[in-house]
PDB file of N, CA and C in Angstrom:
ATOM      1  N   MET A   1     169.910 158.322  82.761  1.00  0.00           N
ATOM      2  CA  MET A   1     170.103 158.567  84.193  1.00  0.00           C
ATOM      3  C   MET A   1     171.273 159.500  84.465  1.00  0.00           C
ATOM      4  N   ASN A   2     171.092 160.318  85.522  1.00  0.00           N
ATOM      5  CA  ASN A   2     172.260 161.057  86.050  1.00  0.00           C
ATOM      6  C   ASN A   2     173.027 160.206  86.961  1.00  0.00           C
ATOM      7  N   PRO A   3     174.331 160.493  87.122  1.00  0.00           N
ATOM      8  CA  PRO A   3     175.210 159.783  88.029  1.00  0.00           C
ATOM      9  C   PRO A   3     174.450 159.691  89.410  1.00  0.00           C
ATOM     10  N   PHE A   4     174.526 158.595  90.127  1.00  0.00           N
ATOM     11  CA  PHE A   4     173.974 158.328  91.446  1.00  0.00           C
ATOM     12  C   PHE A   4     172.470 158.378  91.416  1.00  0.00           C
ATOM     13  N   GLY A   5     171.891 158.126  90.198  1.00  0.00           N
ATOM     14  CA  GLY A   5     170.386 158.160  90.164  1.00  0.00           C
ATOM     15  C   GLY A   5     169.827 156.949  90.810  1.00  0.00           C
ATOM     16  N   ARG A   6     168.547 156.886  90.946  1.00  0.00           N
ATOM     17  CA  ARG A   6     167.865 155.844  91.610  1.00  0.00           C
ATOM     18  C   ARG A   6     166.805 155.279  90.544  1.00  0.00           C
ATOM     19  N   ILE A   7     166.799 153.994  90.535  1.00  0.00           N
ATOM     20  CA  ILE A   7     165.746 153.289  89.606  1.00  0.00           C
ATOM     21  C   ILE A   7     164.936 152.362  90.387  1.00  0.00           C
ATOM     22  N   VAL A   8     163.703 152.534  90.334  1.00  0.00           N
ATOM     23  CA  VAL A   8     162.743 151.537  91.200  1.00  0.00           C
ATOM     24  C   VAL A   8     162.346 150.382  90.104  1.00  0.00           C
ATOM     25  N   LEU A   9     162.422 149.235  90.560  1.00  0.00           N
ATOM     26  CA  LEU A   9     162.083 147.994  89.816  1.00  0.00           C
ATOM     27  C   LEU A   9     160.760 147.395  90.421  1.00  0.00           C
ATOM     28  N   CYS A  10     159.851 147.271  89.554  1.00  0.00           N
ATOM     29  CA  CYS A  10     158.593 146.573  90.091  1.00  0.00           C
ATOM     30  C   CYS A  10     158.031 145.768  88.916  1.00  0.00           C
ATOM     31  N   GLY A  11     157.830 144.468  89.140  1.00  0.00           N
ATOM     32  CA  GLY A  11     157.267 143.603  88.174  1.00  0.00           C
ATOM     33  C   GLY A  11     158.302 143.182  87.010  1.00  0.00           C
ATOM     34  N   ALA A  12     157.935 142.115  86.273  1.00  0.00           N
ATOM     35  CA  ALA A  12     158.705 141.688  85.377  1.00  0.00           C
ATOM     36  C   ALA A  12     157.921 140.887  84.327  1.00  0.00           C
ATOM     37  N   MET A  13     158.149 140.972  83.115  1.00  0.00           N
ATOM     38  CA  MET A  13     157.445 140.228  81.964  1.00  0.00           C
ATOM     39  C   MET A  13     158.202 139.056  81.509  1.00  0.00           C
ATOM     40  N   VAL A  14     157.584 137.925  81.375  1.00  0.00           N
ATOM     41  CA  VAL A  14     158.221 136.795  80.892  1.00  0.00           C
ATOM     42  C   VAL A  14     158.114 136.700  79.337  1.00  0.00           C
ATOM     43  N   SER A  15     159.197 136.550  78.609  1.00  0.00           N
ATOM     44  CA  SER A  15     159.093 136.513  77.191  1.00  0.00           C
ATOM     45  C   SER A  15     158.374 135.211  76.707  1.00  0.00           C
ATOM     46  N   PRO A  16     158.012 135.156  75.414  1.00  0.00           N
ATOM     47  CA  PRO A  16     157.398 133.902  74.820  1.00  0.00           C
ATOM     48  C   PRO A  16     158.377 132.803  74.955  1.00  0.00           C
ATOM     49  N   GLU A  17     159.625 132.976  75.086  1.00  0.00           N
ATOM     50  CA  GLU A  17     160.563 131.904  75.266  1.00  0.00           C
ATOM     51  C   GLU A  17     160.663 131.448  76.748  1.00  0.00           C
ATOM     52  N   GLY A  18     159.917 132.071  77.609  1.00  0.00           N
ATOM     53  CA  GLY A  18     159.902 131.682  78.999  1.00  0.00           C
ATOM     54  C   GLY A  18     161.055 132.278  79.837  1.00  0.00           C
ATOM     55  N   THR A  19     161.738 133.210  79.391  1.00  0.00           N
ATOM     56  CA  THR A  19     162.713 133.975  80.158  1.00  0.00           C
ATOM     57  C   THR A  19     162.237 135.374  80.524  1.00  0.00           C
ATOM     58  N   LEU A  20     162.881 135.818  81.696  1.00  0.00           N
ATOM     59  CA  LEU A  20     162.544 137.187  82.136  1.00  0.00           C
ATOM     60  C   LEU A  20     163.320 138.224  81.298  1.00  0.00           C
ATOM     61  N   ASP A  21     162.535 139.273  80.941  1.00  0.00           N
ATOM     62  CA  ASP A  21     163.228 140.444  80.288  1.00  0.00           C
ATOM     63  C   ASP A  21     164.143 140.938  81.331  1.00  0.00           C
ATOM     64  N   SER A  22     165.317 141.447  80.849  1.00  0.00           N
ATOM     65  CA  SER A  22     166.379 141.912  81.850  1.00  0.00           C
ATOM     66  C   SER A  22     167.010 143.163  81.251  1.00  0.00           C
ATOM     67  N   VAL A  23     167.821 143.769  82.148  1.00  0.00           N
ATOM     68  CA  VAL A  23     168.563 144.986  81.781  1.00  0.00           C
ATOM     69  C   VAL A  23     169.587 144.445  80.729  1.00  0.00           C
ATOM     70  N   SER A  24     169.757 145.180  79.666  1.00  0.00           N
ATOM     71  CA  SER A  24     170.739 144.710  78.679  1.00  0.00           C
ATOM     72  C   SER A  24     172.092 145.298  79.042  1.00  0.00           C
ATOM     73  N   ASN A  25     172.383 146.236  79.736  1.00  0.00           N
ATOM     74  CA  ASN A  25     173.662 146.857  79.868  1.00  0.00           C
ATOM     75  C   ASN A  25     173.951 147.331  81.343  1.00  0.00           C
ATOM     76  N   LEU A  26     174.157 146.461  82.186  1.00  0.00           N
ATOM     77  CA  LEU A  26     174.546 146.956  83.580  1.00  0.00           C
ATOM     78  C   LEU A  26     175.795 147.734  83.701  1.00  0.00           C
ATOM     79  N   THR A  27     176.606 147.681  82.644  1.00  0.00           N
ATOM     80  CA  THR A  27     177.903 148.404  82.671  1.00  0.00           C
ATOM     81  C   THR A  27     177.524 149.927  82.872  1.00  0.00           C
ATOM     82  N   LEU A  28     176.514 150.479  82.215  1.00  0.00           N
ATOM     83  CA  LEU A  28     176.240 151.918  82.361  1.00  0.00           C
ATOM     84  C   LEU A  28     175.770 152.135  83.716  1.00  0.00           C
ATOM     85  N   ALA A  29     175.023 151.164  84.328  1.00  0.00           N
ATOM     86  CA  ALA A  29     174.515 151.399  85.795  1.00  0.00           C
ATOM     87  C   ALA A  29     175.727 151.491  86.735  1.00  0.00           C
ATOM     88  N   ILE A  30     176.765 150.550  86.356  1.00  0.00           N
ATOM     89  CA  ILE A  30     177.857 150.572  87.324  1.00  0.00           C
ATOM     90  C   ILE A  30     178.714 151.826  87.171  1.00  0.00           C
ATOM     91  N   GLY A  31     178.950 152.201  85.832  1.00  0.00           N
ATOM     92  CA  GLY A  31     179.765 153.362  85.705  1.00  0.00           C
ATOM     93  C   GLY A  31     179.106 154.661  86.185  1.00  0.00           C
ATOM     94  N   LYS A  32     177.745 154.860  86.172  1.00  0.00           N
ATOM     95  CA  LYS A  32     176.956 155.923  86.768  1.00  0.00           C
ATOM     96  C   LYS A  32     176.704 155.716  88.272  1.00  0.00           C
ATOM     97  N   ARG A  33     177.194 154.718  88.855  1.00  0.00           N
ATOM     98  CA  ARG A  33     176.954 154.466  90.202  1.00  0.00           C
ATOM     99  C   ARG A  33     175.402 154.599  90.604  1.00  0.00           C
ATOM    100  N   LEU A  34     174.585 153.874  89.705  1.00  0.00           N
ATOM    101  CA  LEU A  34     173.050 153.918  90.033  1.00  0.00           C
ATOM    102  C   LEU A  34     172.712 152.971  91.150  1.00  0.00           C
ATOM    103  N   SER A  35     171.650 153.247  91.785  1.00  0.00           N
ATOM    104  CA  SER A  35     171.002 152.387  92.777  1.00  0.00           C
ATOM    105  C   SER A  35     169.711 151.906  92.171  1.00  0.00           C
ATOM    106  N   LEU A  36     169.658 150.549  92.240  1.00  0.00           N
ATOM    107  CA  LEU A  36     168.427 149.869  91.642  1.00  0.00           C
ATOM    108  C   LEU A  36     167.851 149.089  92.871  1.00  0.00           C
ATOM    109  N   GLN A  37     166.526 149.474  93.145  1.00  0.00           N
ATOM    110  CA  GLN A  37     165.811 149.082  94.398  1.00  0.00           C
ATOM    111  C   GLN A  37     164.475 148.444  93.886  1.00  0.00           C
ATOM    112  N   GLY A  38     164.395 147.063  94.107  1.00  0.00           N
ATOM    113  CA  GLY A  38     163.137 146.403  93.673  1.00  0.00           C
ATOM    114  C   GLY A  38     162.160 146.389  94.845  1.00  0.00           C
ATOM    115  N   PHE A  39     160.855 146.327  94.492  1.00  0.00           N
ATOM    116  CA  PHE A  39     159.773 146.203  95.478  1.00  0.00           C
ATOM    117  C   PHE A  39     158.667 145.512  94.869  1.00  0.00           C
ATOM    118  N   VAL A  40     157.856 144.923  95.802  1.00  0.00           N
ATOM    119  CA  VAL A  40     156.530 144.242  95.307  1.00  0.00           C
ATOM    120  C   VAL A  40     155.454 144.964  96.100  1.00  0.00           C
ATOM    121  N   VAL A  41     154.279 144.894  95.583  1.00  0.00           N
ATOM    122  CA  VAL A  41     153.104 145.739  96.205  1.00  0.00           C
ATOM    123  C   VAL A  41     152.784 145.105  97.549  1.00  0.00           C
ATOM    124  N   THR A  42     153.043 143.883  97.860  1.00  0.00           N
ATOM    125  CA  THR A  42     152.809 143.342  99.170  1.00  0.00           C
ATOM    126  C   THR A  42     153.664 144.041 100.298  1.00  0.00           C
ATOM    127  N   ASP A  43     154.788 144.670  99.819  1.00  0.00           N
ATOM    128  CA  ASP A  43     155.544 145.296 100.878  1.00  0.00           C
ATOM    129  C   ASP A  43     154.874 146.417 101.554  1.00  0.00           C
ATOM    130  N   HIS A  44     153.720 147.051 100.879  1.00  0.00           N
ATOM    131  CA  HIS A  44     153.156 148.187 101.286  1.00  0.00           C
ATOM    132  C   HIS A  44     151.529 148.012 101.463  1.00  0.00           C
ATOM    133  N   LEU A  45     151.122 146.956 101.713  1.00  0.00           N
ATOM    134  CA  LEU A  45     149.617 146.615 101.876  1.00  0.00           C
ATOM    135  C   LEU A  45     149.006 147.544 102.956  1.00  0.00           C
ATOM    136  N   ASP A  46     149.782 147.990 103.928  1.00  0.00           N
ATOM    137  CA  ASP A  46     149.145 148.793 105.018  1.00  0.00           C
ATOM    138  C   ASP A  46     148.904 150.243 104.396  1.00  0.00           C
ATOM    139  N   ARG A  47     149.370 150.584 103.274  1.00  0.00           N
ATOM    140  CA  ARG A  47     149.116 151.909 102.654  1.00  0.00           C
ATOM    141  C   ARG A  47     147.992 151.796 101.732  1.00  0.00           C
ATOM    142  N   GLY A  48     147.422 150.676 101.487  1.00  0.00           N
ATOM    143  CA  GLY A  48     146.392 150.533 100.462  1.00  0.00           C
ATOM    144  C   GLY A  48     145.223 151.320 100.596  1.00  0.00           C
ATOM    145  N   PRO A  49     144.461 151.471 101.709  1.00  0.00           N
ATOM    146  CA  PRO A  49     143.325 152.290 101.816  1.00  0.00           C
ATOM    147  C   PRO A  49     143.680 153.762 101.562  1.00  0.00           C
ATOM    148  N   ALA A  50     144.708 154.167 102.048  1.00  0.00           N
ATOM    149  CA  ALA A  50     145.172 155.668 101.819  1.00  0.00           C
ATOM    150  C   ALA A  50     145.374 155.850 100.382  1.00  0.00           C
ATOM    151  N   PHE A  51     146.030 155.030  99.753  1.00  0.00           N
ATOM    152  CA  PHE A  51     146.372 155.175  98.262  1.00  0.00           C
ATOM    153  C   PHE A  51     145.036 155.082  97.571  1.00  0.00           C
ATOM    154  N   ASN A  52     144.151 154.173  97.801  1.00  0.00           N
ATOM    155  CA  ASN A  52     142.908 154.011  97.021  1.00  0.00           C
ATOM    156  C   ASN A  52     142.101 155.362  97.116  1.00  0.00           C
ATOM    157  N   ALA A  53     142.006 155.900  98.305  1.00  0.00           N
ATOM    158  CA  ALA A  53     141.290 157.249  98.499  1.00  0.00           C
ATOM    159  C   ALA A  53     141.922 158.304  97.625  1.00  0.00           C
ATOM    160  N   GLU A  54     143.261 158.329  97.741  1.00  0.00           N
ATOM    161  CA  GLU A  54     143.929 159.593  97.081  1.00  0.00           C
ATOM    162  C   GLU A  54     143.912 159.206  95.580  1.00  0.00           C
ATOM    163  N   PHE A  55     144.061 158.035  95.156  1.00  0.00           N
ATOM    164  CA  PHE A  55     144.201 157.794  93.653  1.00  0.00           C
ATOM    165  C   PHE A  55     142.711 157.919  93.005  1.00  0.00           C
ATOM    166  N   SER A  56     141.772 157.501  93.781  1.00  0.00           N
ATOM    167  CA  SER A  56     140.456 157.653  93.210  1.00  0.00           C
ATOM    168  C   SER A  56     140.076 159.111  93.057  1.00  0.00           C
ATOM    169  N   GLY A  57     140.435 159.987  93.800  1.00  0.00           N
ATOM    170  CA  GLY A  57     140.226 161.409  93.703  1.00  0.00           C
ATOM    171  C   GLY A  57     140.955 161.931  92.464  1.00  0.00           C
ATOM    172  N   TRP A  58     142.236 161.555  92.327  1.00  0.00           N
ATOM    173  CA  TRP A  58     143.041 161.922  91.278  1.00  0.00           C
ATOM    174  C   TRP A  58     142.388 161.537  89.893  1.00  0.00           C
ATOM    175  N   SER A  59     141.892 160.237  89.871  1.00  0.00           N
ATOM    176  CA  SER A  59     141.253 159.729  88.661  1.00  0.00           C
ATOM    177  C   SER A  59     139.951 160.629  88.416  1.00  0.00           C
ATOM    178  N   ARG A  60     139.148 160.784  89.372  1.00  0.00           N
ATOM    179  CA  ARG A  60     137.917 161.603  89.165  1.00  0.00           C
ATOM    180  C   ARG A  60     138.270 163.047  88.587  1.00  0.00           C
ATOM    181  N   GLU A  61     139.288 163.600  89.213  1.00  0.00           N
ATOM    182  CA  GLU A  61     139.632 165.004  88.704  1.00  0.00           C
ATOM    183  C   GLU A  61     140.244 165.048  87.413  1.00  0.00           C
ATOM    184  N   GLY A  62     140.784 163.857  86.835  1.00  0.00           N
ATOM    185  CA  GLY A  62     141.487 163.845  85.564  1.00  0.00           C
ATOM    186  C   GLY A  62     142.956 164.229  85.653  1.00  0.00           C
ATOM    187  N   THR A  63     143.479 164.189  86.960  1.00  0.00           N
ATOM    188  CA  THR A  63     144.924 164.400  87.227  1.00  0.00           C
ATOM    189  C   THR A  63     145.770 163.222  86.734  1.00  0.00           C
ATOM    190  N   ILE A  64     145.157 162.011  86.912  1.00  0.00           N
ATOM    191  CA  ILE A  64     145.786 160.798  86.606  1.00  0.00           C
ATOM    192  C   ILE A  64     145.194 160.400  85.084  1.00  0.00           C
ATOM    193  N   LYS A  65     146.099 160.130  84.230  1.00  0.00           N
ATOM    194  CA  LYS A  65     145.597 159.705  82.887  1.00  0.00           C
ATOM    195  C   LYS A  65     146.231 158.279  82.588  1.00  0.00           C
ATOM    196  N   TYR A  66     145.491 157.491  82.043  1.00  0.00           N
ATOM    197  CA  TYR A  66     146.065 156.136  81.748  1.00  0.00           C
ATOM    198  C   TYR A  66     145.535 155.624  80.331  1.00  0.00           C
ATOM    199  N   THR A  67     146.235 154.762  79.860  1.00  0.00           N
ATOM    200  CA  THR A  67     145.911 154.034  78.543  1.00  0.00           C
ATOM    201  C   THR A  67     145.225 152.710  78.762  1.00  0.00           C
ATOM    202  N   GLU A  68     144.168 152.495  78.105  1.00  0.00           N
ATOM    203  CA  GLU A  68     143.413 151.233  78.288  1.00  0.00           C
ATOM    204  C   GLU A  68     143.005 150.721  76.851  1.00  0.00           C
ATOM    205  N   THR A  69     143.252 149.523  76.677  1.00  0.00           N
ATOM    206  CA  THR A  69     142.924 148.897  75.456  1.00  0.00           C
ATOM    207  C   THR A  69     141.781 147.706  75.794  1.00  0.00           C
ATOM    208  N   VAL A  70     140.642 147.852  75.199  1.00  0.00           N
ATOM    209  CA  VAL A  70     139.559 146.843  75.385  1.00  0.00           C
ATOM    210  C   VAL A  70     139.555 145.868  74.185  1.00  0.00           C
ATOM    211  N   ILE A  71     139.635 144.649  74.433  1.00  0.00           N
ATOM    212  CA  ILE A  71     139.397 143.570  73.397  1.00  0.00           C
ATOM    213  C   ILE A  71     138.150 143.007  73.691  1.00  0.00           C
ATOM    214  N   ASP A  72     137.313 142.969  72.637  1.00  0.00           N
ATOM    215  CA  ASP A  72     135.995 142.332  72.786  1.00  0.00           C
ATOM    216  C   ASP A  72     135.944 140.911  72.426  1.00  0.00           C
ATOM    217  N   GLY A  73     135.448 140.023  73.347  1.00  0.00           N
ATOM    218  CA  GLY A  73     135.198 138.578  73.066  1.00  0.00           C
ATOM    219  C   GLY A  73     136.233 137.712  73.765  1.00  0.00           C
ATOM    220  N   LEU A  74     135.819 136.788  74.573  1.00  0.00           N
ATOM    221  CA  LEU A  74     136.702 135.889  75.241  1.00  0.00           C
ATOM    222  C   LEU A  74     137.544 135.057  74.167  1.00  0.00           C
ATOM    223  N   GLU A  75     136.928 134.801  73.111  1.00  0.00           N
ATOM    224  CA  GLU A  75     137.655 133.994  71.985  1.00  0.00           C
ATOM    225  C   GLU A  75     139.023 134.790  71.542  1.00  0.00           C
ATOM    226  N   ARG A  76     139.029 136.126  71.644  1.00  0.00           N
ATOM    227  CA  ARG A  76     140.143 136.882  71.291  1.00  0.00           C
ATOM    228  C   ARG A  76     141.267 137.019  72.395  1.00  0.00           C
ATOM    229  N   ALA A  77     140.958 136.474  73.575  1.00  0.00           N
ATOM    230  CA  ALA A  77     141.806 136.596  74.731  1.00  0.00           C
ATOM    231  C   ALA A  77     143.275 135.995  74.414  1.00  0.00           C
ATOM    232  N   PRO A  78     143.366 134.802  73.936  1.00  0.00           N
ATOM    233  CA  PRO A  78     144.758 134.232  73.732  1.00  0.00           C
ATOM    234  C   PRO A  78     145.603 135.096  72.791  1.00  0.00           C
ATOM    235  N   GLN A  79     145.022 135.675  71.626  1.00  0.00           N
ATOM    236  CA  GLN A  79     145.686 136.494  70.800  1.00  0.00           C
ATOM    237  C   GLN A  79     146.011 137.793  71.412  1.00  0.00           C
ATOM    238  N   ALA A  80     145.204 138.369  72.206  1.00  0.00           N
ATOM    239  CA  ALA A  80     145.386 139.639  72.952  1.00  0.00           C
ATOM    240  C   ALA A  80     146.618 139.353  73.865  1.00  0.00           C
ATOM    241  N   PHE A  81     146.628 138.242  74.627  1.00  0.00           N
ATOM    242  CA  PHE A  81     147.790 137.931  75.475  1.00  0.00           C
ATOM    243  C   PHE A  81     149.100 137.919  74.733  1.00  0.00           C
ATOM    244  N   VAL A  82     149.126 137.244  73.574  1.00  0.00           N
ATOM    245  CA  VAL A  82     150.358 137.173  72.806  1.00  0.00           C
ATOM    246  C   VAL A  82     150.841 138.530  72.351  1.00  0.00           C
ATOM    247  N   GLU A  83     149.846 139.426  71.956  1.00  0.00           N
ATOM    248  CA  GLU A  83     150.132 140.698  71.434  1.00  0.00           C
ATOM    249  C   GLU A  83     150.640 141.574  72.571  1.00  0.00           C
ATOM    250  N   LEU A  84     149.992 141.359  73.749  1.00  0.00           N
ATOM    251  CA  LEU A  84     150.566 142.093  74.972  1.00  0.00           C
ATOM    252  C   LEU A  84     151.916 141.705  75.343  1.00  0.00           C
ATOM    253  N   LEU A  85     152.327 140.550  75.252  1.00  0.00           N
ATOM    254  CA  LEU A  85     153.671 140.128  75.540  1.00  0.00           C
ATOM    255  C   LEU A  85     154.664 140.606  74.384  1.00  0.00           C
ATOM    256  N   ALA A  86     154.122 140.806  73.229  1.00  0.00           N
ATOM    257  CA  ALA A  86     154.885 141.313  72.035  1.00  0.00           C
ATOM    258  C   ALA A  86     155.051 142.797  72.095  1.00  0.00           C
ATOM    259  N   GLY A  87     154.391 143.416  73.000  1.00  0.00           N
ATOM    260  CA  GLY A  87     154.608 144.847  73.206  1.00  0.00           C
ATOM    261  C   GLY A  87     153.684 145.702  72.317  1.00  0.00           C
ATOM    262  N   LYS A  88     152.527 145.041  71.809  1.00  0.00           N
ATOM    263  CA  LYS A  88     151.726 145.872  70.967  1.00  0.00           C
ATOM    264  C   LYS A  88     150.888 146.905  71.660  1.00  0.00           C
ATOM    265  N   TYR A  89     150.550 146.601  72.946  1.00  0.00           N
ATOM    266  CA  TYR A  89     149.681 147.511  73.709  1.00  0.00           C
ATOM    267  C   TYR A  89     150.427 148.290  74.766  1.00  0.00           C
ATOM    268  N   MET A  90     150.055 149.560  75.018  1.00  0.00           N
ATOM    269  CA  MET A  90     150.445 150.324  76.234  1.00  0.00           C
ATOM    270  C   MET A  90     149.446 150.309  77.359  1.00  0.00           C
ATOM    271  N   GLY A  91     149.856 150.349  78.441  1.00  0.00           N
ATOM    272  CA  GLY A  91     148.776 150.444  79.615  1.00  0.00           C
ATOM    273  C   GLY A  91     148.101 149.186  79.820  1.00  0.00           C
ATOM    274  N   LYS A  92     146.810 149.322  80.432  1.00  0.00           N
ATOM    275  CA  LYS A  92     146.079 148.121  80.827  1.00  0.00           C
ATOM    276  C   LYS A  92     145.372 147.473  79.583  1.00  0.00           C
ATOM    277  N   VAL A  93     145.196 146.238  79.516  1.00  0.00           N
ATOM    278  CA  VAL A  93     144.539 145.463  78.539  1.00  0.00           C
ATOM    279  C   VAL A  93     143.426 144.770  79.211  1.00  0.00           C
ATOM    280  N   VAL A  94     142.162 144.935  78.684  1.00  0.00           N
ATOM    281  CA  VAL A  94     140.964 144.339  79.277  1.00  0.00           C
ATOM    282  C   VAL A  94     140.371 143.495  78.272  1.00  0.00           C
ATOM    283  N   VAL A  95     139.928 142.277  78.613  1.00  0.00           N
ATOM    284  CA  VAL A  95     139.116 141.499  77.676  1.00  0.00           C
ATOM    285  C   VAL A  95     137.648 141.458  78.166  1.00  0.00           C
ATOM    286  N   ARG A  96     136.842 142.100  77.316  1.00  0.00           N
ATOM    287  CA  ARG A  96     135.452 142.398  77.676  1.00  0.00           C
ATOM    288  C   ARG A  96     134.679 141.116  77.082  1.00  0.00           C
ATOM    289  N   ILE A  97     133.899 140.496  77.986  1.00  0.00           N
ATOM    290  CA  ILE A  97     133.187 139.197  77.732  1.00  0.00           C
ATOM    291  C   ILE A  97     131.841 139.657  77.302  1.00  0.00           C
TER     292      ILE A  97
END
């Protein structure tokens, strides 16, 4: 990050031990005078319809690319969840029934 940079924080993962993952070195953020701003999606529900319309267009055009992992079978869902928390997958994980 550049000095005086801004970091957007959205969401958190809970580790298998039940603790939240966290920033490991806030000293760097202090030294660079960074701004960290958290938000949750419910802060912006009024913008949902406009976002959906715009994002759908980008998705159809191929402007937005995303990674998706499909796991077949409900019986594999628990293992897929453990692997998700372990960082095995990037992007969205879907269990297909």
